[in-house]
Protein backbone atom coordinates (compact mmCIF):
# COMPACT_ATOMS: atom_id res chain seq x y z
CA MET A 1 -4.90 30.11 -13.25
CA PRO A 2 -1.64 31.98 -14.13
CA ASP A 3 -0.24 31.15 -17.57
CA ILE A 4 3.05 29.97 -16.12
CA PHE A 5 1.25 27.43 -13.92
CA LYS A 6 -0.83 26.26 -16.86
CA THR A 7 2.36 25.70 -18.83
CA PHE A 8 4.01 23.79 -16.03
CA ARG A 9 0.84 21.74 -15.54
CA SER A 10 0.88 20.86 -19.23
CA PHE A 11 4.46 19.70 -18.91
CA LEU A 12 3.62 17.48 -15.95
CA ILE A 13 0.69 15.95 -17.81
CA ALA A 14 2.87 15.11 -20.79
CA GLY A 15 5.60 13.86 -18.54
CA SER A 16 3.89 11.90 -15.81
CA VAL A 17 1.20 10.43 -18.00
CA LEU A 18 2.78 10.08 -21.42
CA GLY A 19 6.09 8.91 -20.09
CA ALA A 20 4.45 6.37 -17.83
CA LEU A 21 2.22 4.81 -20.55
CA HIS A 22 5.07 4.65 -22.92
CA ALA A 23 6.70 2.59 -20.22
CA ALA A 24 8.47 3.08 -17.00
CA PRO A 25 11.99 4.44 -17.21
CA VAL A 26 14.17 3.21 -14.41
CA LEU A 27 15.86 6.61 -14.17
CA ALA A 28 14.53 10.05 -15.07
CA ALA A 29 14.48 10.60 -18.79
CA ASP A 30 16.64 13.71 -18.57
CA GLU A 31 19.16 12.47 -16.05
CA LYS A 32 22.80 12.59 -17.02
CA ALA A 33 24.33 9.16 -17.24
CA GLU A 34 27.04 10.27 -14.85
CA ASP A 35 26.64 13.03 -12.29
CA SER A 36 28.85 14.41 -9.61
CA LYS A 37 27.80 12.02 -6.89
CA ALA A 38 27.64 8.95 -9.09
CA ALA A 39 31.08 9.74 -10.43
CA VAL A 40 32.66 9.33 -7.01
CA ALA A 41 30.45 6.49 -5.85
CA SER A 42 32.09 3.10 -5.56
CA PRO A 43 31.22 0.68 -8.35
CA ALA A 44 28.68 -1.92 -7.39
CA PRO A 45 30.65 -4.71 -5.73
CA ALA A 46 30.73 -8.12 -7.31
CA THR A 47 28.24 -10.24 -5.45
CA PRO A 48 26.84 -13.75 -5.72
CA ALA A 49 23.95 -12.12 -7.60
CA ALA A 50 26.00 -12.50 -10.77
CA ASP A 51 25.62 -16.27 -10.47
CA ASP A 52 22.20 -16.39 -8.86
CA GLU A 53 20.12 -17.44 -11.86
CA ALA A 54 16.85 -17.49 -9.93
CA LEU A 55 17.40 -13.91 -8.76
CA LEU A 56 18.40 -12.77 -12.23
CA LYS A 57 15.39 -14.46 -13.81
CA ARG A 58 13.17 -12.64 -11.34
CA GLY A 59 14.88 -9.35 -12.18
CA ALA A 60 14.27 -9.93 -15.88
CA ASP A 61 10.59 -10.61 -15.17
CA VAL A 62 10.28 -7.44 -13.07
CA ALA A 63 11.89 -5.33 -15.79
CA LEU A 64 9.52 -6.86 -18.32
CA ALA A 65 6.42 -6.19 -16.23
CA ALA A 66 7.60 -2.65 -15.51
CA ASP A 67 8.17 -2.11 -19.25
CA CYS A 68 11.57 -0.41 -18.85
CA MET A 69 12.53 -1.18 -22.46
CA ALA A 70 10.02 1.06 -24.20
CA CYS A 71 11.29 4.43 -22.98
CA HIS A 72 14.98 3.63 -22.99
CA THR A 73 15.32 2.01 -26.42
CA THR A 74 15.02 3.79 -29.73
CA LYS A 75 13.66 2.05 -32.79
CA ASN A 76 16.35 -0.39 -33.96
CA GLY A 77 18.58 0.89 -31.15
CA LYS A 78 20.52 -1.07 -28.55
CA PRO A 79 18.43 -2.16 -25.54
CA PHE A 80 18.31 0.38 -22.72
CA ALA A 81 20.87 2.70 -24.38
CA GLY A 82 18.43 5.62 -24.27
CA GLY A 83 17.96 8.36 -26.82
CA LEU A 84 14.19 8.07 -27.26
CA LYS A 85 12.48 11.45 -27.52
CA ILE A 86 9.29 11.95 -25.53
CA ALA A 87 7.52 15.11 -26.63
CA THR A 88 6.21 17.56 -24.03
CA PRO A 89 4.99 21.16 -24.35
CA MET A 90 8.29 22.24 -22.78
CA GLY A 91 10.50 20.40 -25.24
CA ASN A 92 11.62 16.85 -25.89
CA VAL A 93 12.60 14.70 -22.94
CA ILE A 94 15.37 12.39 -24.10
CA SER A 95 15.69 9.10 -22.29
CA THR A 96 19.03 8.18 -20.76
CA ASN A 97 21.37 5.24 -21.04
CA ILE A 98 20.47 2.83 -18.23
CA THR A 99 22.85 0.07 -19.20
CA PRO A 100 25.56 -0.83 -16.65
CA ASP A 101 28.27 1.06 -18.53
CA PRO A 102 30.19 2.87 -15.76
CA GLU A 103 30.85 6.06 -17.73
CA HIS A 104 27.76 6.45 -19.92
CA GLY A 105 25.11 4.49 -18.01
CA ILE A 106 24.29 3.50 -14.45
CA GLY A 107 27.21 1.17 -13.81
CA LYS A 108 28.35 3.24 -10.79
CA TYR A 109 24.95 3.29 -9.13
CA THR A 110 24.92 1.45 -5.86
CA GLU A 111 21.92 -0.65 -4.97
CA VAL A 112 20.78 2.06 -2.55
CA GLN A 113 21.05 4.77 -5.22
CA PHE A 114 19.18 2.59 -7.70
CA ASP A 115 16.42 2.05 -5.16
CA GLU A 116 16.18 5.77 -4.42
CA ALA A 117 15.77 6.53 -8.12
CA VAL A 118 13.22 3.83 -8.90
CA ARG A 119 11.00 3.95 -5.80
CA HIS A 120 11.51 7.49 -4.54
CA GLY A 121 12.32 9.62 -7.57
CA ILE A 122 15.71 10.85 -6.33
CA ARG A 123 18.74 10.40 -8.52
CA ALA A 124 22.27 9.64 -7.37
CA ASP A 125 23.24 13.28 -6.74
CA GLY A 126 20.17 13.88 -4.59
CA VAL A 127 18.23 15.85 -7.20
CA ASN A 128 14.55 15.05 -7.70
CA LEU A 129 13.52 13.21 -10.83
CA TYR A 130 10.68 14.38 -13.02
CA PRO A 131 7.50 12.29 -12.84
CA VAL A 132 8.12 11.22 -16.43
CA MET A 133 9.29 8.18 -14.50
CA PRO A 134 6.33 6.85 -12.46
CA TYR A 135 8.15 6.38 -9.19
CA VAL A 136 4.86 6.98 -7.39
CA SER A 137 3.76 3.62 -8.77
CA TYR A 138 7.12 1.91 -8.39
CA ALA A 139 7.08 2.85 -4.73
CA GLY A 140 4.97 -0.30 -4.31
CA ILE A 141 7.66 -2.70 -5.60
CA THR A 142 8.82 -5.17 -2.95
CA ASP A 143 12.35 -5.09 -1.54
CA GLN A 144 12.99 -8.55 -2.97
CA ASP A 145 11.95 -7.52 -6.47
CA MET A 146 14.04 -4.35 -6.27
CA LYS A 147 17.09 -6.40 -5.37
CA ALA A 148 16.44 -8.70 -8.31
CA LEU A 149 15.89 -5.78 -10.69
CA TYR A 150 19.19 -4.19 -9.66
CA ALA A 151 21.07 -7.47 -10.04
CA TRP A 152 19.62 -8.03 -13.51
CA PHE A 153 20.51 -4.56 -14.76
CA MET A 154 24.03 -4.82 -13.42
CA HIS A 155 24.79 -8.39 -14.51
CA ARG A 156 22.65 -9.21 -17.55
CA VAL A 157 22.08 -5.98 -19.47
CA GLN A 158 24.78 -5.37 -22.07
CA PRO A 159 26.76 -2.17 -21.36
CA VAL A 160 26.57 0.43 -24.13
CA ALA A 161 29.26 3.11 -24.28
CA SER A 162 27.20 6.00 -25.63
CA THR A 163 25.57 9.02 -24.08
CA PRO A 164 22.32 10.32 -25.57
CA PRO A 165 21.91 14.08 -26.04
CA GLU A 166 20.92 15.93 -22.91
CA THR A 167 17.36 17.08 -22.43
CA ALA A 168 16.95 20.86 -22.61
CA LEU A 169 13.56 21.97 -21.33
CA THR A 170 12.32 25.53 -21.07
CA PHE A 171 11.30 27.33 -17.90
CA PRO A 172 9.60 26.42 -15.58
CA ALA A 173 10.08 22.73 -16.36
CA ASN A 174 13.78 23.04 -15.63
CA VAL A 175 13.07 23.97 -12.00
CA ARG A 176 13.46 20.63 -10.28
CA SER A 177 12.71 21.98 -6.83
CA ALA A 178 9.03 22.08 -7.82
CA MET A 179 9.10 18.28 -7.74
CA LYS A 180 9.56 18.38 -3.96
CA VAL A 181 6.19 20.09 -3.58
CA TRP A 182 4.53 17.78 -6.08
CA ASN A 183 5.93 14.72 -4.30
CA MET A 184 4.36 15.86 -1.04
CA LEU A 185 0.95 16.06 -2.71
CA ALA A 186 1.16 12.96 -4.91
CA THR A 187 -0.23 9.68 -3.63
CA SER A 188 2.37 6.91 -3.83
CA GLU A 189 1.73 3.21 -3.87
CA THR A 190 2.10 1.55 -0.48
CA PRO A 191 5.16 -0.74 -0.57
CA GLU A 192 4.18 -4.39 -0.78
CA THR A 193 5.75 -6.84 1.62
CA GLY A 194 6.66 -10.49 1.33
CA ASP A 195 7.46 -12.53 -1.75
CA SER A 196 5.45 -11.23 -4.71
CA MET A 197 5.76 -14.61 -6.44
CA THR A 198 3.75 -16.27 -3.66
CA PHE A 199 0.86 -13.80 -3.65
CA ASP A 200 -2.58 -15.23 -4.31
CA THR A 201 -4.17 -14.45 -7.68
CA LEU A 202 -5.90 -11.18 -6.78
CA ARG A 203 -3.02 -9.85 -4.73
CA ARG A 204 -0.62 -10.72 -7.52
CA GLY A 205 -2.91 -9.03 -10.04
CA LYS A 206 -3.15 -5.90 -7.89
CA TYR A 207 0.63 -5.81 -7.54
CA LEU A 208 1.11 -6.14 -11.29
CA ALA A 209 -1.56 -3.54 -12.09
CA ASN A 210 -0.51 -0.90 -9.60
CA ALA A 211 3.17 -1.25 -8.80
CA LEU A 212 4.62 -2.66 -12.03
CA GLU A 213 2.35 -2.12 -15.02
CA HIS A 214 1.07 1.10 -13.36
CA CYS A 215 -2.30 0.96 -15.15
CA GLY A 216 -3.72 3.81 -13.10
CA THR A 217 -1.05 6.20 -14.32
CA CYS A 218 -2.85 6.41 -17.65
CA HIS A 219 -6.37 5.16 -17.04
CA THR A 220 -7.06 7.25 -13.92
CA PRO A 221 -7.94 10.95 -14.36
CA ARG A 222 -5.94 13.55 -12.47
CA ASN A 223 -6.76 16.54 -10.27
CA PHE A 224 -5.53 20.09 -10.86
CA MET A 225 -2.19 19.24 -9.23
CA LEU A 226 -1.92 16.16 -11.45
CA GLY A 227 -2.30 13.66 -8.66
CA GLU A 228 -4.45 10.66 -9.51
CA LYS A 229 -8.09 10.95 -8.49
CA THR A 230 -8.28 7.88 -6.30
CA ASP A 231 -12.08 7.96 -6.32
CA ARG A 232 -11.99 7.60 -10.13
CA TYR A 233 -9.48 4.74 -10.26
CA LEU A 234 -9.26 3.37 -13.83
CA GLY A 235 -12.19 5.55 -14.84
CA GLY A 236 -10.54 6.81 -18.04
CA ALA A 237 -8.30 9.78 -18.85
CA GLU A 238 -7.00 11.91 -21.71
CA LEU A 239 -3.46 11.13 -22.71
CA ALA A 240 -1.52 13.26 -25.21
CA GLY A 241 -4.14 12.98 -27.92
CA TRP A 242 -5.22 9.46 -27.02
CA TYR A 243 -7.89 8.49 -24.52
CA ALA A 244 -7.08 5.73 -22.04
CA PRO A 245 -10.63 4.41 -21.58
CA ASN A 246 -12.65 3.43 -18.55
CA ILE A 247 -11.54 -0.12 -17.73
CA THR A 248 -13.56 -0.62 -14.56
CA SER A 249 -16.18 -3.36 -14.20
CA SER A 250 -18.99 -1.11 -15.42
CA LYS A 251 -20.92 -3.00 -18.11
CA ALA A 252 -22.05 0.23 -19.72
CA GLY A 253 -19.06 2.55 -19.61
CA GLY A 254 -16.21 0.16 -18.82
CA ILE A 255 -15.26 -3.40 -19.72
CA GLY A 256 -17.55 -5.22 -17.33
CA ASP A 257 -18.95 -7.32 -20.17
CA TRP A 258 -15.47 -8.58 -21.09
CA SER A 259 -14.54 -12.05 -19.89
CA GLU A 260 -11.24 -12.74 -18.18
CA ASP A 261 -10.13 -14.46 -21.38
CA ASP A 262 -11.02 -11.34 -23.40
CA ILE A 263 -8.73 -9.24 -21.21
CA VAL A 264 -5.94 -11.83 -21.38
CA SER A 265 -6.23 -11.96 -25.17
CA TYR A 266 -6.03 -8.18 -25.39
CA LEU A 267 -2.96 -8.01 -23.15
CA LYS A 268 -1.23 -10.92 -24.86
CA THR A 269 -1.97 -10.13 -28.50
CA GLY A 270 -3.15 -6.54 -28.52
CA GLN A 271 -6.57 -7.61 -29.74
CA ALA A 272 -9.80 -8.86 -28.25
CA HIS A 273 -11.80 -10.03 -31.27
CA GLY A 274 -14.98 -8.06 -31.73
CA ARG A 275 -14.05 -5.66 -28.95
CA ALA A 276 -10.84 -3.66 -29.18
CA GLN A 277 -7.30 -3.37 -30.53
CA ALA A 278 -4.27 -1.75 -28.91
CA ALA A 279 -2.60 1.18 -30.64
CA GLY A 280 -0.41 4.10 -29.69
CA SER A 281 1.13 3.86 -26.24
CA MET A 282 -1.01 0.87 -25.31
CA GLY A 283 0.30 -0.87 -28.40
CA GLU A 284 3.80 -0.31 -27.05
CA VAL A 285 2.80 -1.69 -23.66
CA VAL A 286 1.59 -4.84 -25.40
CA SER A 287 4.68 -5.08 -27.63
CA PHE A 288 7.28 -4.56 -24.92
CA SER A 289 5.57 -5.90 -21.83
CA THR A 290 2.23 -7.64 -21.52
CA SER A 291 2.63 -9.88 -24.60
CA LYS A 292 5.65 -11.39 -22.86
CA LEU A 293 4.13 -11.98 -19.43
CA SER A 294 3.38 -15.52 -18.30
CA ASP A 295 -0.18 -16.80 -18.65
CA PRO A 296 -0.62 -16.99 -14.84
CA ASP A 297 0.41 -13.33 -14.54
CA LEU A 298 -1.92 -12.30 -17.37
CA HIS A 299 -4.83 -14.10 -15.72
CA ALA A 300 -3.97 -12.57 -12.35
CA LEU A 301 -3.92 -9.10 -13.91
CA ALA A 302 -7.20 -9.73 -15.72
CA ALA A 303 -8.87 -11.17 -12.61
CA TYR A 304 -7.90 -8.10 -10.61
CA ILE A 305 -9.10 -5.63 -13.25
CA LYS A 306 -12.42 -7.45 -13.57
CA GLN A 307 -13.23 -6.85 -9.91
CA VAL A 308 -12.30 -3.15 -9.79
CA PRO A 309 -15.44 -1.31 -8.62
CA ALA A 310 -17.58 -0.07 -11.49
CA LEU A 311 -17.50 3.60 -12.42
CA GLU A 312 -20.02 4.88 -14.93
CA ASP A 313 -18.57 6.84 -17.81
CA ASP A 314 -19.31 10.52 -18.40
CA VAL A 315 -19.77 10.01 -22.15
CA ASP A 316 -20.16 6.33 -22.98
CA HIS A 317 -23.40 4.87 -21.62
CA LYS A 318 -23.44 1.70 -23.68
CA PRO A 319 -20.62 -0.81 -24.27
CA ARG A 320 -18.23 0.69 -26.80
CA ASP A 321 -17.98 -2.58 -28.71
CA SER A 322 -21.73 -3.08 -29.07
CA PHE A 323 -22.31 -0.75 -32.02
CA GLY A 324 -22.50 -1.20 -35.76
CA GLN A 325 -23.13 -3.68 -38.52
CA PRO A 326 -21.72 -4.40 -42.00
CA MET A 327 -22.25 -1.63 -44.53
CA ASN A 328 -24.25 -2.41 -47.65
CA ASP A 329 -24.14 0.93 -49.47
CA PRO A 330 -23.68 0.74 -53.26
CA ASP A 331 -20.10 0.44 -54.49
CA LEU A 332 -19.11 3.75 -56.06
CA ARG A 333 -16.00 2.42 -57.72
CA THR A 334 -16.01 2.19 -61.52
CA GLU A 335 -13.71 0.74 -64.14
CA ALA A 336 -12.51 4.24 -65.01
CA PRO A 337 -9.12 5.01 -63.43
CA LYS A 338 -8.91 7.79 -60.88
CA ARG A 339 -7.24 10.89 -62.30
CA ILE A 340 -4.54 12.31 -60.05
CA ASP A 341 -5.25 15.80 -61.41
CA ASN A 342 -8.87 15.66 -60.28
CA LEU A 343 -9.00 18.18 -57.44
CA ASP A 344 -12.71 17.81 -56.69
CA GLN A 345 -13.34 17.27 -53.00
CA MET A 346 -14.07 13.61 -52.35
CA SER A 347 -17.09 12.47 -50.41
CA ALA A 348 -16.57 10.56 -47.15
CA LEU A 349 -17.56 7.32 -48.89
CA GLN A 350 -14.97 7.95 -51.60
CA ILE A 351 -12.29 8.59 -48.98
CA PHE A 352 -13.26 5.33 -47.30
CA ASP A 353 -13.20 3.44 -50.60
CA ASP A 354 -9.78 4.84 -51.51
CA ASN A 355 -8.05 4.39 -48.17
CA CYS A 356 -9.83 1.85 -45.97
CA ALA A 357 -11.87 -0.63 -47.98
CA ALA A 358 -8.92 -2.53 -49.46
CA CYS A 359 -7.91 -3.83 -46.01
CA HIS A 360 -11.02 -3.59 -43.84
CA GLY A 361 -13.37 -4.69 -46.61
CA ARG A 362 -15.95 -2.50 -48.20
CA ASN A 363 -18.52 -3.73 -45.69
CA GLY A 364 -16.10 -2.96 -42.83
CA ALA A 365 -15.96 -6.56 -41.60
CA GLY A 366 -12.17 -6.91 -41.72
CA THR A 367 -10.56 -10.26 -42.48
CA ALA A 368 -11.77 -13.68 -41.41
CA ASP A 369 -8.61 -14.35 -39.39
CA HIS A 370 -9.00 -10.98 -37.55
CA SER A 371 -5.55 -9.83 -38.66
CA VAL A 372 -7.39 -6.77 -39.95
CA PRO A 373 -10.13 -5.92 -37.45
CA SER A 374 -13.75 -5.23 -38.11
CA LEU A 375 -14.82 -1.59 -38.01
CA PHE A 376 -18.05 -2.47 -36.26
CA SER A 377 -18.08 -4.09 -32.81
CA ASN A 378 -14.96 -2.01 -32.36
CA SER A 379 -14.33 0.14 -29.28
CA ALA A 380 -12.46 2.85 -31.18
CA VAL A 381 -15.46 3.43 -33.45
CA GLY A 382 -18.21 2.66 -30.94
CA THR A 383 -17.17 5.21 -28.34
CA ALA A 384 -18.68 8.69 -28.33
CA ARG A 385 -15.12 10.03 -28.05
CA PRO A 386 -13.39 10.25 -31.45
CA ASP A 387 -9.91 10.70 -29.93
CA ASN A 388 -8.44 7.27 -30.57
CA LEU A 389 -9.98 6.88 -34.01
CA ILE A 390 -8.49 10.21 -35.08
CA MET A 391 -5.10 9.27 -33.66
CA VAL A 392 -5.10 5.86 -35.35
CA ILE A 393 -5.91 7.40 -38.73
CA LEU A 394 -3.19 9.99 -38.25
CA ASN A 395 -0.48 7.74 -36.82
CA GLY A 396 -1.40 4.20 -37.80
CA VAL A 397 -0.70 1.04 -35.81
CA ASP A 398 2.62 -0.73 -35.30
CA ARG A 399 2.30 -3.49 -32.70
CA LYS A 400 4.21 -6.72 -32.28
CA ALA A 401 3.08 -9.63 -30.13
CA GLY A 402 4.89 -12.91 -30.49
CA ASP A 403 5.13 -13.77 -34.18
CA HIS A 404 2.31 -11.42 -35.17
CA HIS A 405 2.97 -7.91 -36.41
CA ALA A 406 -0.11 -5.70 -36.61
CA PHE A 407 0.58 -2.80 -38.93
CA MET A 408 -1.48 -0.02 -40.45
CA HIS A 409 0.18 2.96 -42.06
CA GLY A 410 -0.87 6.40 -40.90
CA PHE A 411 -2.33 9.16 -43.03
CA ASN A 412 -0.59 12.15 -41.45
CA ASP A 413 1.68 14.61 -43.24
CA LYS A 414 4.62 12.19 -42.99
CA SER A 415 2.79 9.27 -44.58
CA GLN A 416 4.60 7.49 -47.39
CA VAL A 417 1.31 6.13 -48.71
CA GLU A 418 -1.44 8.74 -48.58
CA ARG A 419 -1.62 12.07 -46.79
CA LEU A 420 -5.09 13.16 -45.76
CA SER A 421 -5.99 16.72 -44.88
CA ASP A 422 -7.69 17.71 -41.64
CA ALA A 423 -10.96 18.11 -43.54
CA GLU A 424 -10.65 14.66 -45.13
CA ILE A 425 -9.87 12.97 -41.82
CA ALA A 426 -12.78 14.75 -40.13
CA SER A 427 -15.09 13.61 -42.91
CA LEU A 428 -13.76 10.04 -42.69
CA VAL A 429 -14.08 9.85 -38.89
CA ASN A 430 -17.65 11.11 -38.99
CA PHE A 431 -18.47 8.60 -41.73
CA LEU A 432 -16.95 5.66 -39.82
CA MET A 433 -18.69 6.54 -36.57
CA GLU A 434 -22.01 7.02 -38.34
CA LYS A 435 -21.85 3.86 -40.44
CA PHE A 436 -20.14 1.47 -38.04
CA GLY A 437 -20.20 3.02 -34.58
CA SER A 438 -21.81 5.27 -32.05
CA GLY A 439 -23.30 7.70 -34.55
CA SER A 440 -21.33 10.64 -33.19
CA VAL A 441 -20.58 12.92 -36.14
CA ASN A 442 -19.28 16.13 -34.61
CA VAL A 443 -15.61 16.06 -35.64
CA THR A 444 -14.40 19.22 -37.36
CA PRO A 445 -11.19 19.91 -39.31
CA GLU A 446 -10.15 22.21 -36.48
CA LYS A 447 -10.47 19.33 -34.01
CA VAL A 448 -8.32 17.09 -36.20
CA ALA A 449 -5.71 19.86 -36.43
CA GLU A 450 -5.48 19.88 -32.63
CA PHE A 451 -4.88 16.14 -32.54
CA ARG A 452 -2.32 16.39 -35.34
CA LYS A 453 -0.21 18.62 -33.07
CA GLN A 454 -0.16 16.09 -30.22
């Protein structure tokens, strides 16, 4: 494969997959807030939609389920004002202002232009959007929901008069014409018809999973052209350092042994006790989207996922949450204080004692109220893939669901608490997986270094 194609493929992976899991931007992340065509387009006319509370409520619900907030809002920034950086091998994609400000946002977009951007990946000036925005999934949104989404953005989102910096990607990512070819090869969702609010449970769950929450964008592996492998739907995929696991009904490699309530709990709180916790991009999905869905929608989504045909996993052949037990090794800590000038290399158990035991307990059982999870019966430790465990140790957890804030500081080179080297993290990961998980102990410092760059 030519190097230039490999580079472009890497960009598409980071864009279409990372951008989608981080949430679905309504417009391409590198689109200018005002372009030549939008500048001359007539402002959206005042319509009864401004006073149609039922329509606006539906639009708010659609935006929530589609998770528009996450990509277009910086930390502590104004909602939908853009400016969030999404890293790709070709440079940072900077999300745009999608508030209804007429000069800096999308206030001059007509309903038709808005629809073209969201469902077809074509911005107001006719240029193709990058698949950082998962328009192949949004293609399945109903006409009624699109109308509501447009009305909500135009009449309920607060305009913000600021323009984020423009995205500047390197060649060949700046060649938008390549998107035309990709669009011809990509499989788009079939547009749903009728009133999505009246769908039966499974149809509603399918609509939420595929068109709005776009679960397959991250959990389905991709072919060499980066189209989703439809025969491996929700079978698990690598994702910018993280691994979006197999969530099919397989009881060995997927989540077939999870109850519907387990799935609802995970989506609503970010945690299924004794099974898994959401971190990274999935933590953001929980924070910005699924934790705020209605209980009927959560149960519809869970019911649909539970009946997705089982796919056996290539690596995990036993439930990821079925491993481990409390540790009962002797406590190595003494009354003597630790000298900061002691440069002797610490053992894995010492690293665990110094950095993990205070919160997770020295036996790894976590806290009784589950606010700090157990390290055994834990999918991140029980899998044969160390990806997510490495990424959690490097980057920590920062997830909000309702009144609960799950937080764990990271141990990367920006940590304000403790910075662990690649060798120390490799030693710690191997120790955790051996003591509490699958027993896989093949992580090297070089492997951690690769994840650190993600």
